[in-house]
Amino acid sequence: MHKVKRPYCIAVFVWSLIILLLLILPARHFSDAQKVEIPYLDKVVHFIIFGILYYLAAKAADEVQSSTSKWVYLIYVCLYAVFTELIQLHLIDRSFEIFDIIANIMGATIAYLFFNLKQN
């Protein structure tokens, strides 16, 4: 059986695409999920998905033995978080929310702190 080289690198790419698709799909695709009345659930989801993205990016950096500091990957993930939200400005059935960006960045930052505390 062929072993996949650099699975975390692949995971970062795939997870980034999944995030992009989830954030550009029309909101009507999530109408069943919107029936659940949990305050700020969407912000929790944003927090989690971008936390996972940072974690995968950090593991990918370890996988390729990158000498780039982990905070650089945090910046990349945060820029991607802003980018995905800015795209929604141009979509009919989606809306830009500054609190989504804040949740995205908080998720990535907490993952960064967790990953680096775990490493030390």
PDB file of N, CA and C in Angstrom:
ATOM      1  N   MET A   1       0.839  -1.183   0.000  1.00  0.00           N
ATOM      2  CA  MET A   1       0.000   0.000   0.000  1.00  0.00           C
ATOM      3  C   MET A   1       0.881   1.242   0.000  1.00  0.00           C
ATOM      4  N   HIS A   2       0.501   2.222  -0.801  1.00  0.00           N
ATOM      5  CA  HIS A   2       1.268   3.457  -0.941  1.00  0.00           C
ATOM      6  C   HIS A   2       0.955   4.406   0.221  1.00  0.00           C
ATOM      7  N   LYS A   3       1.996   4.826   0.928  1.00  0.00           N
ATOM      8  CA  LYS A   3       1.822   5.739   2.050  1.00  0.00           C
ATOM      9  C   LYS A   3       1.778   7.181   1.517  1.00  0.00           C
ATOM     10  N   VAL A   4       0.805   7.938   1.986  1.00  0.00           N
ATOM     11  CA  VAL A   4       0.670   9.331   1.559  1.00  0.00           C
ATOM     12  C   VAL A   4       1.792  10.145   2.188  1.00  0.00           C
ATOM     13  N   LYS A   5       2.523  10.867   1.341  1.00  0.00           N
ATOM     14  CA  LYS A   5       3.569  11.742   1.837  1.00  0.00           C
ATOM     15  C   LYS A   5       2.935  13.070   2.225  1.00  0.00           C
ATOM     16  N   ARG A   6       3.325  13.542   3.357  1.00  0.00           N
ATOM     17  CA  ARG A   6       2.873  14.842   3.840  1.00  0.00           C
ATOM     18  C   ARG A   6       1.349  14.958   3.953  1.00  0.00           C
ATOM     19  N   PRO A   7       0.734  14.107   4.752  1.00  0.00           N
ATOM     20  CA  PRO A   7      -0.732  14.149   4.876  1.00  0.00           C
ATOM     21  C   PRO A   7      -1.254  15.466   5.439  1.00  0.00           C
ATOM     22  N   TYR A   8      -0.481  16.133   6.311  1.00  0.00           N
ATOM     23  CA  TYR A   8      -0.968  17.407   6.854  1.00  0.00           C
ATOM     24  C   TYR A   8      -0.979  18.509   5.803  1.00  0.00           C
ATOM     25  N   CYS A   9      -0.036  18.471   4.890  1.00  0.00           N
ATOM     26  CA  CYS A   9      -0.030  19.457   3.789  1.00  0.00           C
ATOM     27  C   CYS A   9      -1.291  19.289   2.945  1.00  0.00           C
ATOM     28  N   ILE A  10      -1.626  18.050   2.660  1.00  0.00           N
ATOM     29  CA  ILE A  10      -2.847  17.769   1.898  1.00  0.00           C
ATOM     30  C   ILE A  10      -4.071  18.192   2.701  1.00  0.00           C
ATOM     31  N   ALA A  11      -4.047  17.903   4.001  1.00  0.00           N
ATOM     32  CA  ALA A  11      -5.173  18.251   4.865  1.00  0.00           C
ATOM     33  C   ALA A  11      -5.412  19.762   4.911  1.00  0.00           C
ATOM     34  N   VAL A  12      -4.342  20.551   4.943  1.00  0.00           N
ATOM     35  CA  VAL A  12      -4.486  22.018   4.941  1.00  0.00           C
ATOM     36  C   VAL A  12      -5.190  22.463   3.665  1.00  0.00           C
ATOM     37  N   PHE A  13      -4.769  21.929   2.546  1.00  0.00           N
ATOM     38  CA  PHE A  13      -5.369  22.296   1.264  1.00  0.00           C
ATOM     39  C   PHE A  13      -6.852  21.911   1.227  1.00  0.00           C
ATOM     40  N   VAL A  14      -7.146  20.682   1.599  1.00  0.00           N
ATOM     41  CA  VAL A  14      -8.532  20.189   1.561  1.00  0.00           C
ATOM     42  C   VAL A  14      -9.399  20.972   2.550  1.00  0.00           C
ATOM     43  N   TRP A  15      -8.909  21.174   3.772  1.00  0.00           N
ATOM     44  CA  TRP A  15      -9.685  21.890   4.779  1.00  0.00           C
ATOM     45  C   TRP A  15      -9.930  23.341   4.353  1.00  0.00           C
ATOM     46  N   SER A  16      -8.934  23.964   3.723  1.00  0.00           N
ATOM     47  CA  SER A  16      -9.101  25.335   3.221  1.00  0.00           C
ATOM     48  C   SER A  16     -10.209  25.392   2.171  1.00  0.00           C
ATOM     49  N   LEU A  17     -10.252  24.405   1.308  1.00  0.00           N
ATOM     50  CA  LEU A  17     -11.313  24.347   0.297  1.00  0.00           C
ATOM     51  C   LEU A  17     -12.683  24.119   0.933  1.00  0.00           C
ATOM     52  N   ILE A  18     -12.731  23.243   1.916  1.00  0.00           N
ATOM     53  CA  ILE A  18     -14.001  22.992   2.606  1.00  0.00           C
ATOM     54  C   ILE A  18     -14.501  24.267   3.268  1.00  0.00           C
ATOM     55  N   ILE A  19     -13.611  24.985   3.941  1.00  0.00           N
ATOM     56  CA  ILE A  19     -13.995  26.253   4.570  1.00  0.00           C
ATOM     57  C   ILE A  19     -14.541  27.215   3.524  1.00  0.00           C
ATOM     58  N   LEU A  20     -13.822  27.358   2.432  1.00  0.00           N
ATOM     59  CA  LEU A  20     -14.255  28.277   1.382  1.00  0.00           C
ATOM     60  C   LEU A  20     -15.636  27.898   0.866  1.00  0.00           C
ATOM     61  N   LEU A  21     -15.845  26.623   0.604  1.00  0.00           N
ATOM     62  CA  LEU A  21     -17.152  26.176   0.112  1.00  0.00           C
ATOM     63  C   LEU A  21     -18.254  26.435   1.131  1.00  0.00           C
ATOM     64  N   LEU A  22     -17.991  26.129   2.391  1.00  0.00           N
ATOM     65  CA  LEU A  22     -19.002  26.365   3.432  1.00  0.00           C
ATOM     66  C   LEU A  22     -19.367  27.840   3.553  1.00  0.00           C
ATOM     67  N   LEU A  23     -18.372  28.700   3.364  1.00  0.00           N
ATOM     68  CA  LEU A  23     -18.613  30.122   3.561  1.00  0.00           C
ATOM     69  C   LEU A  23     -19.150  30.839   2.329  1.00  0.00           C
ATOM     70  N   ILE A  24     -19.113  30.179   1.180  1.00  0.00           N
ATOM     71  CA  ILE A  24     -19.696  30.826  -0.010  1.00  0.00           C
ATOM     72  C   ILE A  24     -21.000  30.182  -0.457  1.00  0.00           C
ATOM     73  N   LEU A  25     -21.317  29.018   0.107  1.00  0.00           N
ATOM     74  CA  LEU A  25     -22.609  28.411  -0.241  1.00  0.00           C
ATOM     75  C   LEU A  25     -23.742  29.336   0.199  1.00  0.00           C
ATOM     76  N   PRO A  26     -24.797  29.428  -0.591  1.00  0.00           N
ATOM     77  CA  PRO A  26     -25.940  30.246  -0.174  1.00  0.00           C
ATOM     78  C   PRO A  26     -26.482  29.786   1.175  1.00  0.00           C
ATOM     79  N   ALA A  27     -26.906  30.730   1.986  1.00  0.00           N
ATOM     80  CA  ALA A  27     -27.388  30.442   3.339  1.00  0.00           C
ATOM     81  C   ALA A  27     -28.578  29.485   3.349  1.00  0.00           C
ATOM     82  N   ARG A  28     -29.334  29.454   2.272  1.00  0.00           N
ATOM     83  CA  ARG A  28     -30.513  28.573   2.238  1.00  0.00           C
ATOM     84  C   ARG A  28     -30.123  27.097   2.346  1.00  0.00           C
ATOM     85  N   HIS A  29     -28.866  26.757   2.026  1.00  0.00           N
ATOM     86  CA  HIS A  29     -28.406  25.377   2.164  1.00  0.00           C
ATOM     87  C   HIS A  29     -28.291  24.966   3.630  1.00  0.00           C
ATOM     88  N   PHE A  30     -28.318  25.944   4.518  1.00  0.00           N
ATOM     89  CA  PHE A  30     -28.193  25.669   5.944  1.00  0.00           C
ATOM     90  C   PHE A  30     -29.484  25.976   6.689  1.00  0.00           C
ATOM     91  N   SER A  31     -30.584  26.020   5.982  1.00  0.00           N
ATOM     92  CA  SER A  31     -31.854  26.413   6.601  1.00  0.00           C
ATOM     93  C   SER A  31     -32.269  25.466   7.722  1.00  0.00           C
ATOM     94  N   ASP A  32     -31.991  24.172   7.591  1.00  0.00           N
ATOM     95  CA  ASP A  32     -32.322  23.231   8.669  1.00  0.00           C
ATOM     96  C   ASP A  32     -31.480  23.507   9.911  1.00  0.00           C
ATOM     97  N   ALA A  33     -30.226  23.825   9.707  1.00  0.00           N
ATOM     98  CA  ALA A  33     -29.343  24.121  10.836  1.00  0.00           C
ATOM     99  C   ALA A  33     -29.751  25.416  11.531  1.00  0.00           C
ATOM    100  N   GLN A  34     -30.348  26.333  10.787  1.00  0.00           N
ATOM    101  CA  GLN A  34     -30.752  27.613  11.375  1.00  0.00           C
ATOM    102  C   GLN A  34     -31.967  27.478  12.269  1.00  0.00           C
ATOM    103  N   LYS A  35     -32.641  26.342  12.222  1.00  0.00           N
ATOM    104  CA  LYS A  35     -33.801  26.118  13.087  1.00  0.00           C
ATOM    105  C   LYS A  35     -33.376  25.895  14.537  1.00  0.00           C
ATOM    106  N   VAL A  36     -32.129  25.517  14.735  1.00  0.00           N
ATOM    107  CA  VAL A  36     -31.592  25.328  16.073  1.00  0.00           C
ATOM    108  C   VAL A  36     -31.281  26.712  16.645  1.00  0.00           C
ATOM    109  N   GLU A  37     -31.902  27.026  17.763  1.00  0.00           N
ATOM    110  CA  GLU A  37     -31.755  28.354  18.359  1.00  0.00           C
ATOM    111  C   GLU A  37     -30.690  28.358  19.450  1.00  0.00           C
ATOM    112  N   ILE A  38     -29.442  28.281  19.067  1.00  0.00           N
ATOM    113  CA  ILE A  38     -28.338  28.378  20.016  1.00  0.00           C
ATOM    114  C   ILE A  38     -27.643  29.707  19.743  1.00  0.00           C
ATOM    115  N   PRO A  39     -27.648  30.600  20.720  1.00  0.00           N
ATOM    116  CA  PRO A  39     -27.037  31.912  20.501  1.00  0.00           C
ATOM    117  C   PRO A  39     -25.565  31.803  20.096  1.00  0.00           C
ATOM    118  N   TYR A  40     -25.210  32.536  19.079  1.00  0.00           N
ATOM    119  CA  TYR A  40     -23.828  32.639  18.596  1.00  0.00           C
ATOM    120  C   TYR A  40     -23.236  31.323  18.102  1.00  0.00           C
ATOM    121  N   LEU A  41     -24.084  30.377  17.742  1.00  0.00           N
ATOM    122  CA  LEU A  41     -23.587  29.094  17.247  1.00  0.00           C
ATOM    123  C   LEU A  41     -22.702  29.283  16.021  1.00  0.00           C
ATOM    124  N   ASP A  42     -23.083  30.203  15.130  1.00  0.00           N
ATOM    125  CA  ASP A  42     -22.276  30.419  13.926  1.00  0.00           C
ATOM    126  C   ASP A  42     -20.871  30.928  14.284  1.00  0.00           C
ATOM    127  N   LYS A  43     -20.772  31.730  15.335  1.00  0.00           N
ATOM    128  CA  LYS A  43     -19.450  32.233  15.753  1.00  0.00           C
ATOM    129  C   LYS A  43     -18.608  31.089  16.321  1.00  0.00           C
ATOM    130  N   VAL A  44     -19.247  30.179  17.044  1.00  0.00           N
ATOM    131  CA  VAL A  44     -18.537  29.010  17.581  1.00  0.00           C
ATOM    132  C   VAL A  44     -18.010  28.162  16.426  1.00  0.00           C
ATOM    133  N   VAL A  45     -18.829  27.990  15.398  1.00  0.00           N
ATOM    134  CA  VAL A  45     -18.403  27.213  14.224  1.00  0.00           C
ATOM    135  C   VAL A  45     -17.215  27.883  13.547  1.00  0.00           C
ATOM    136  N   HIS A  46     -17.281  29.191  13.358  1.00  0.00           N
ATOM    137  CA  HIS A  46     -16.157  29.929  12.766  1.00  0.00           C
ATOM    138  C   HIS A  46     -14.894  29.734  13.607  1.00  0.00           C
ATOM    139  N   PHE A  47     -15.029  29.868  14.918  1.00  0.00           N
ATOM    140  CA  PHE A  47     -13.912  29.699  15.844  1.00  0.00           C
ATOM    141  C   PHE A  47     -13.267  28.327  15.657  1.00  0.00           C
ATOM    142  N   ILE A  48     -14.084  27.301  15.611  1.00  0.00           N
ATOM    143  CA  ILE A  48     -13.586  25.925  15.510  1.00  0.00           C
ATOM    144  C   ILE A  48     -12.923  25.660  14.163  1.00  0.00           C
ATOM    145  N   ILE A  49     -13.564  26.057  13.072  1.00  0.00           N
ATOM    146  CA  ILE A  49     -13.004  25.691  11.761  1.00  0.00           C
ATOM    147  C   ILE A  49     -11.671  26.394  11.490  1.00  0.00           C
ATOM    148  N   PHE A  50     -11.519  27.616  11.992  1.00  0.00           N
ATOM    149  CA  PHE A  50     -10.235  28.294  11.773  1.00  0.00           C
ATOM    150  C   PHE A  50      -9.189  27.854  12.792  1.00  0.00           C
ATOM    151  N   GLY A  51      -9.617  27.395  13.955  1.00  0.00           N
ATOM    152  CA  GLY A  51      -8.686  26.779  14.892  1.00  0.00           C
ATOM    153  C   GLY A  51      -8.111  25.498  14.308  1.00  0.00           C
ATOM    154  N   ILE A  52      -8.976  24.712  13.703  1.00  0.00           N
ATOM    155  CA  ILE A  52      -8.534  23.481  13.051  1.00  0.00           C
ATOM    156  C   ILE A  52      -7.581  23.804  11.903  1.00  0.00           C
ATOM    157  N   LEU A  53      -7.889  24.825  11.127  1.00  0.00           N
ATOM    158  CA  LEU A  53      -7.019  25.195  10.002  1.00  0.00           C
ATOM    159  C   LEU A  53      -5.627  25.569  10.498  1.00  0.00           C
ATOM    160  N   TYR A  54      -5.557  26.361  11.571  1.00  0.00           N
ATOM    161  CA  TYR A  54      -4.221  26.708  12.089  1.00  0.00           C
ATOM    162  C   TYR A  54      -3.498  25.448  12.561  1.00  0.00           C
ATOM    163  N   TYR A  55      -4.179  24.592  13.293  1.00  0.00           N
ATOM    164  CA  TYR A  55      -3.548  23.374  13.802  1.00  0.00           C
ATOM    165  C   TYR A  55      -2.978  22.537  12.647  1.00  0.00           C
ATOM    166  N   LEU A  56      -3.769  22.373  11.603  1.00  0.00           N
ATOM    167  CA  LEU A  56      -3.292  21.606  10.442  1.00  0.00           C
ATOM    168  C   LEU A  56      -2.091  22.285   9.787  1.00  0.00           C
ATOM    169  N   ALA A  57      -2.125  23.610   9.694  1.00  0.00           N
ATOM    170  CA  ALA A  57      -1.004  24.352   9.091  1.00  0.00           C
ATOM    171  C   ALA A  57       0.262  24.179   9.933  1.00  0.00           C
ATOM    172  N   ALA A  58       0.118  24.241  11.244  1.00  0.00           N
ATOM    173  CA  ALA A  58       1.280  24.068  12.119  1.00  0.00           C
ATOM    174  C   ALA A  58       1.848  22.654  12.004  1.00  0.00           C
ATOM    175  N   LYS A  59       0.974  21.662  11.951  1.00  0.00           N
ATOM    176  CA  LYS A  59       1.432  20.283  11.788  1.00  0.00           C
ATOM    177  C   LYS A  59       2.090  20.083  10.422  1.00  0.00           C
ATOM    178  N   ALA A  60       1.560  20.735   9.396  1.00  0.00           N
ATOM    179  CA  ALA A  60       2.166  20.656   8.059  1.00  0.00           C
ATOM    180  C   ALA A  60       3.558  21.278   8.082  1.00  0.00           C
ATOM    181  N   ALA A  61       3.711  22.388   8.807  1.00  0.00           N
ATOM    182  CA  ALA A  61       5.021  23.027   8.921  1.00  0.00           C
ATOM    183  C   ALA A  61       6.017  22.081   9.589  1.00  0.00           C
ATOM    184  N   ASP A  62       5.571  21.387  10.621  1.00  0.00           N
ATOM    185  CA  ASP A  62       6.437  20.397  11.271  1.00  0.00           C
ATOM    186  C   ASP A  62       6.774  19.257  10.316  1.00  0.00           C
ATOM    187  N   GLU A  63       5.769  18.871   9.539  1.00  0.00           N
ATOM    188  CA  GLU A  63       5.919  17.743   8.618  1.00  0.00           C
ATOM    189  C   GLU A  63       7.009  18.007   7.576  1.00  0.00           C
ATOM    190  N   VAL A  64       7.096  19.236   7.106  1.00  0.00           N
ATOM    191  CA  VAL A  64       8.096  19.570   6.086  1.00  0.00           C
ATOM    192  C   VAL A  64       9.342  20.185   6.715  1.00  0.00           C
ATOM    193  N   GLN A  65       9.358  20.189   8.035  1.00  0.00           N
ATOM    194  CA  GLN A  65      10.486  20.718   8.795  1.00  0.00           C
ATOM    195  C   GLN A  65      10.802  22.157   8.404  1.00  0.00           C
ATOM    196  N   SER A  66       9.748  22.947   8.323  1.00  0.00           N
ATOM    197  CA  SER A  66       9.885  24.350   7.964  1.00  0.00           C
ATOM    198  C   SER A  66      10.558  25.123   9.091  1.00  0.00           C
ATOM    199  N   SER A  67      11.440  26.027   8.714  1.00  0.00           N
ATOM    200  CA  SER A  67      12.095  26.871   9.720  1.00  0.00           C
ATOM    201  C   SER A  67      11.298  28.147   9.965  1.00  0.00           C
ATOM    202  N   THR A  68      10.229  28.318   9.214  1.00  0.00           N
ATOM    203  CA  THR A  68       9.380  29.493   9.373  1.00  0.00           C
ATOM    204  C   THR A  68       8.689  29.431  10.728  1.00  0.00           C
ATOM    205  N   SER A  69       8.670  30.557  11.413  1.00  0.00           N
ATOM    206  CA  SER A  69       8.047  30.620  12.730  1.00  0.00           C
ATOM    207  C   SER A  69       6.550  30.346  12.631  1.00  0.00           C
ATOM    208  N   LYS A  70       6.011  29.742  13.674  1.00  0.00           N
ATOM    209  CA  LYS A  70       4.585  29.391  13.684  1.00  0.00           C
ATOM    210  C   LYS A  70       3.682  30.616  13.634  1.00  0.00           C
ATOM    211  N   TRP A  71       4.165  31.762  14.108  1.00  0.00           N
ATOM    212  CA  TRP A  71       3.311  32.951  14.060  1.00  0.00           C
ATOM    213  C   TRP A  71       3.080  33.405  12.623  1.00  0.00           C
ATOM    214  N   VAL A  72       3.993  33.075  11.716  1.00  0.00           N
ATOM    215  CA  VAL A  72       3.787  33.398  10.299  1.00  0.00           C
ATOM    216  C   VAL A  72       2.594  32.610   9.763  1.00  0.00           C
ATOM    217  N   TYR A  73       2.467  31.358  10.178  1.00  0.00           N
ATOM    218  CA  TYR A  73       1.317  30.552   9.763  1.00  0.00           C
ATOM    219  C   TYR A  73       0.030  31.100  10.368  1.00  0.00           C
ATOM    220  N   LEU A  74       0.140  31.622  11.583  1.00  0.00           N
ATOM    221  CA  LEU A  74      -1.016  32.270  12.196  1.00  0.00           C
ATOM    222  C   LEU A  74      -1.465  33.463  11.357  1.00  0.00           C
ATOM    223  N   ILE A  75      -0.516  34.247  10.891  1.00  0.00           N
ATOM    224  CA  ILE A  75      -0.854  35.400  10.046  1.00  0.00           C
ATOM    225  C   ILE A  75      -1.513  34.944   8.744  1.00  0.00           C
ATOM    226  N   TYR A  76      -0.976  33.898   8.129  1.00  0.00           N
ATOM    227  CA  TYR A  76      -1.585  33.364   6.900  1.00  0.00           C
ATOM    228  C   TYR A  76      -3.025  32.932   7.136  1.00  0.00           C
ATOM    229  N   VAL A  77      -3.254  32.212   8.228  1.00  0.00           N
ATOM    230  CA  VAL A  77      -4.607  31.735   8.528  1.00  0.00           C
ATOM    231  C   VAL A  77      -5.533  32.924   8.796  1.00  0.00           C
ATOM    232  N   CYS A  78      -5.042  33.928   9.514  1.00  0.00           N
ATOM    233  CA  CYS A  78      -5.861  35.116   9.782  1.00  0.00           C
ATOM    234  C   CYS A  78      -6.182  35.873   8.495  1.00  0.00           C
ATOM    235  N   LEU A  79      -5.226  35.972   7.596  1.00  0.00           N
ATOM    236  CA  LEU A  79      -5.488  36.618   6.307  1.00  0.00           C
ATOM    237  C   LEU A  79      -6.522  35.834   5.498  1.00  0.00           C
ATOM    238  N   TYR A  80      -6.427  34.520   5.540  1.00  0.00           N
ATOM    239  CA  TYR A  80      -7.418  33.687   4.858  1.00  0.00           C
ATOM    240  C   TYR A  80      -8.802  33.887   5.477  1.00  0.00           C
ATOM    241  N   ALA A  81      -8.830  34.034   6.803  1.00  0.00           N
ATOM    242  CA  ALA A  81     -10.093  34.282   7.505  1.00  0.00           C
ATOM    243  C   ALA A  81     -10.732  35.580   7.025  1.00  0.00           C
ATOM    244  N   VAL A  82      -9.937  36.613   6.889  1.00  0.00           N
ATOM    245  CA  VAL A  82     -10.449  37.905   6.408  1.00  0.00           C
ATOM    246  C   VAL A  82     -10.874  37.774   4.949  1.00  0.00           C
ATOM    247  N   PHE A  83     -10.059  37.110   4.154  1.00  0.00           N
ATOM    248  CA  PHE A  83     -10.357  36.920   2.730  1.00  0.00           C
ATOM    249  C   PHE A  83     -11.696  36.214   2.525  1.00  0.00           C
ATOM    250  N   THR A  84     -11.923  35.140   3.279  1.00  0.00           N
ATOM    251  CA  THR A  84     -13.179  34.397   3.095  1.00  0.00           C
ATOM    252  C   THR A  84     -14.388  35.234   3.481  1.00  0.00           C
ATOM    253  N   GLU A  85     -14.205  36.112   4.443  1.00  0.00           N
ATOM    254  CA  GLU A  85     -15.323  36.970   4.839  1.00  0.00           C
ATOM    255  C   GLU A  85     -15.537  38.090   3.816  1.00  0.00           C
ATOM    256  N   LEU A  86     -14.455  38.632   3.278  1.00  0.00           N
ATOM    257  CA  LEU A  86     -14.576  39.692   2.271  1.00  0.00           C
ATOM    258  C   LEU A  86     -15.258  39.196   0.996  1.00  0.00           C
ATOM    259  N   ILE A  87     -15.029  37.941   0.654  1.00  0.00           N
ATOM    260  CA  ILE A  87     -15.697  37.355  -0.512  1.00  0.00           C
ATOM    261  C   ILE A  87     -17.207  37.464  -0.354  1.00  0.00           C
ATOM    262  N   GLN A  88     -17.677  37.309   0.871  1.00  0.00           N
ATOM    263  CA  GLN A  88     -19.117  37.330   1.121  1.00  0.00           C
ATOM    264  C   GLN A  88     -19.750  38.695   0.844  1.00  0.00           C
ATOM    265  N   LEU A  89     -18.934  39.731   0.781  1.00  0.00           N
ATOM    266  CA  LEU A  89     -19.448  41.056   0.403  1.00  0.00           C
ATOM    267  C   LEU A  89     -20.036  41.043  -1.008  1.00  0.00           C
ATOM    268  N   HIS A  90     -19.522  40.156  -1.840  1.00  0.00           N
ATOM    269  CA  HIS A  90     -19.897  40.116  -3.250  1.00  0.00           C
ATOM    270  C   HIS A  90     -20.884  39.002  -3.584  1.00  0.00           C
ATOM    271  N   LEU A  91     -21.374  38.310  -2.584  1.00  0.00           N
ATOM    272  CA  LEU A  91     -22.315  37.217  -2.807  1.00  0.00           C
ATOM    273  C   LEU A  91     -23.716  37.653  -2.420  1.00  0.00           C
ATOM    274  N   ILE A  92     -24.678  37.198  -3.181  1.00  0.00           N
ATOM    275  CA  ILE A  92     -26.062  37.630  -2.979  1.00  0.00           C
ATOM    276  C   ILE A  92     -26.648  37.084  -1.683  1.00  0.00           C
ATOM    277  N   ASP A  93     -26.467  35.818  -1.426  1.00  0.00           N
ATOM    278  CA  ASP A  93     -27.147  35.184  -0.300  1.00  0.00           C
ATOM    279  C   ASP A  93     -26.245  35.000   0.924  1.00  0.00           C
ATOM    280  N   ARG A  94     -25.189  35.781   1.018  1.00  0.00           N
ATOM    281  CA  ARG A  94     -24.281  35.730   2.165  1.00  0.00           C
ATOM    282  C   ARG A  94     -24.064  37.158   2.654  1.00  0.00           C
ATOM    283  N   SER A  95     -23.582  37.285   3.883  1.00  0.00           N
ATOM    284  CA  SER A  95     -23.349  38.635   4.390  1.00  0.00           C
ATOM    285  C   SER A  95     -22.022  38.714   5.127  1.00  0.00           C
ATOM    286  N   PHE A  96     -21.399  39.855   5.002  1.00  0.00           N
ATOM    287  CA  PHE A  96     -20.153  40.148   5.680  1.00  0.00           C
ATOM    288  C   PHE A  96     -20.461  40.479   7.140  1.00  0.00           C
ATOM    289  N   GLU A  97     -19.720  39.867   8.061  1.00  0.00           N
ATOM    290  CA  GLU A  97     -19.889  40.181   9.477  1.00  0.00           C
ATOM    291  C   GLU A  97     -18.529  40.305  10.133  1.00  0.00           C
ATOM    292  N   ILE A  98     -18.276  41.443  10.719  1.00  0.00           N
ATOM    293  CA  ILE A  98     -17.000  41.670  11.389  1.00  0.00           C
ATOM    294  C   ILE A  98     -16.811  40.682  12.542  1.00  0.00           C
ATOM    295  N   PHE A  99     -17.910  40.293  13.194  1.00  0.00           N
ATOM    296  CA  PHE A  99     -17.797  39.341  14.305  1.00  0.00           C
ATOM    297  C   PHE A  99     -17.410  37.942  13.833  1.00  0.00           C
ATOM    298  N   ASP A 100     -17.690  37.625  12.581  1.00  0.00           N
ATOM    299  CA  ASP A 100     -17.200  36.357  12.021  1.00  0.00           C
ATOM    300  C   ASP A 100     -15.678  36.407  11.896  1.00  0.00           C
ATOM    301  N   ILE A 101     -15.160  37.539  11.440  1.00  0.00           N
ATOM    302  CA  ILE A 101     -13.703  37.688  11.326  1.00  0.00           C
ATOM    303  C   ILE A 101     -13.067  37.572  12.707  1.00  0.00           C
ATOM    304  N   ILE A 102     -13.678  38.215  13.683  1.00  0.00           N
ATOM    305  CA  ILE A 102     -13.145  38.144  15.052  1.00  0.00           C
ATOM    306  C   ILE A 102     -13.154  36.702  15.558  1.00  0.00           C
ATOM    307  N   ALA A 103     -14.238  35.980  15.316  1.00  0.00           N
ATOM    308  CA  ALA A 103     -14.319  34.567  15.739  1.00  0.00           C
ATOM    309  C   ALA A 103     -13.270  33.728  15.008  1.00  0.00           C
ATOM    310  N   ASN A 104     -13.096  33.985  13.712  1.00  0.00           N
ATOM    311  CA  ASN A 104     -12.092  33.250  12.929  1.00  0.00           C
ATOM    312  C   ASN A 104     -10.696  33.458  13.513  1.00  0.00           C
ATOM    313  N   ILE A 105     -10.352  34.717  13.748  1.00  0.00           N
ATOM    314  CA  ILE A 105      -9.017  35.052  14.241  1.00  0.00           C
ATOM    315  C   ILE A 105      -8.816  34.532  15.666  1.00  0.00           C
ATOM    316  N   MET A 106      -9.863  34.615  16.476  1.00  0.00           N
ATOM    317  CA  MET A 106      -9.756  34.078  17.841  1.00  0.00           C
ATOM    318  C   MET A 106      -9.517  32.570  17.819  1.00  0.00           C
ATOM    319  N   GLY A 107     -10.217  31.857  16.937  1.00  0.00           N
ATOM    320  CA  GLY A 107     -10.026  30.412  16.832  1.00  0.00           C
ATOM    321  C   GLY A 107      -8.609  30.063  16.433  1.00  0.00           C
ATOM    322  N   ALA A 108      -8.087  30.768  15.438  1.00  0.00           N
ATOM    323  CA  ALA A 108      -6.715  30.518  14.985  1.00  0.00           C
ATOM    324  C   ALA A 108      -5.706  30.877  16.079  1.00  0.00           C
ATOM    325  N   THR A 109      -5.946  31.977  16.773  1.00  0.00           N
ATOM    326  CA  THR A 109      -5.018  32.425  17.816  1.00  0.00           C
ATOM    327  C   THR A 109      -4.998  31.469  19.008  1.00  0.00           C
ATOM    328  N   ILE A 110      -6.165  31.009  19.419  1.00  0.00           N
ATOM    329  CA  ILE A 110      -6.218  30.041  20.526  1.00  0.00           C
ATOM    330  C   ILE A 110      -5.526  28.741  20.114  1.00  0.00           C
ATOM    331  N   ALA A 111      -5.726  28.315  18.879  1.00  0.00           N
ATOM    332  CA  ALA A 111      -5.040  27.110  18.389  1.00  0.00           C
ATOM    333  C   ALA A 111      -3.523  27.332  18.379  1.00  0.00           C
ATOM    334  N   TYR A 112      -3.100  28.518  17.962  1.00  0.00           N
ATOM    335  CA  TYR A 112      -1.668  28.868  17.972  1.00  0.00           C
ATOM    336  C   TYR A 112      -1.101  28.768  19.390  1.00  0.00           C
ATOM    337  N   LEU A 113      -1.808  29.373  20.344  1.00  0.00           N
ATOM    338  CA  LEU A 113      -1.341  29.344  21.730  1.00  0.00           C
ATOM    339  C   LEU A 113      -1.318  27.915  22.265  1.00  0.00           C
ATOM    340  N   PHE A 114      -2.373  27.164  21.993  1.00  0.00           N
ATOM    341  CA  PHE A 114      -2.448  25.776  22.437  1.00  0.00           C
ATOM    342  C   PHE A 114      -1.320  24.952  21.828  1.00  0.00           C
ATOM    343  N   PHE A 115      -1.117  25.081  20.537  1.00  0.00           N
ATOM    344  CA  PHE A 115      -0.104  24.303  19.834  1.00  0.00           C
ATOM    345  C   PHE A 115       1.285  24.633  20.377  1.00  0.00           C
ATOM    346  N   ASN A 116       1.564  25.913  20.616  1.00  0.00           N
ATOM    347  CA  ASN A 116       2.894  26.302  21.083  1.00  0.00           C
ATOM    348  C   ASN A 116       3.116  25.961  22.556  1.00  0.00           C
ATOM    349  N   LEU A 117       2.078  26.012  23.366  1.00  0.00           N
ATOM    350  CA  LEU A 117       2.225  25.596  24.757  1.00  0.00           C
ATOM    351  C   LEU A 117       2.459  24.090  24.831  1.00  0.00           C
ATOM    352  N   LYS A 118       1.771  23.365  23.960  1.00  0.00           N
ATOM    353  CA  LYS A 118       1.916  21.907  23.908  1.00  0.00           C
ATOM    354  C   LYS A 118       3.315  21.514  23.441  1.00  0.00           C
ATOM    355  N   GLN A 119       3.888  22.296  22.525  1.00  0.00           N
ATOM    356  CA  GLN A 119       5.218  22.022  21.984  1.00  0.00           C
ATOM    357  C   GLN A 119       6.312  22.252  23.030  1.00  0.00           C
ATOM    358  N   ASN A 120       6.078  23.213  23.922  1.00  0.00           N
ATOM    359  CA  ASN A 120       7.128  23.575  24.916  1.00  0.00           C
ATOM    360  C   ASN A 120       7.073  22.723  26.138  1.00  0.00           C
TER     361      ASN A 120
END
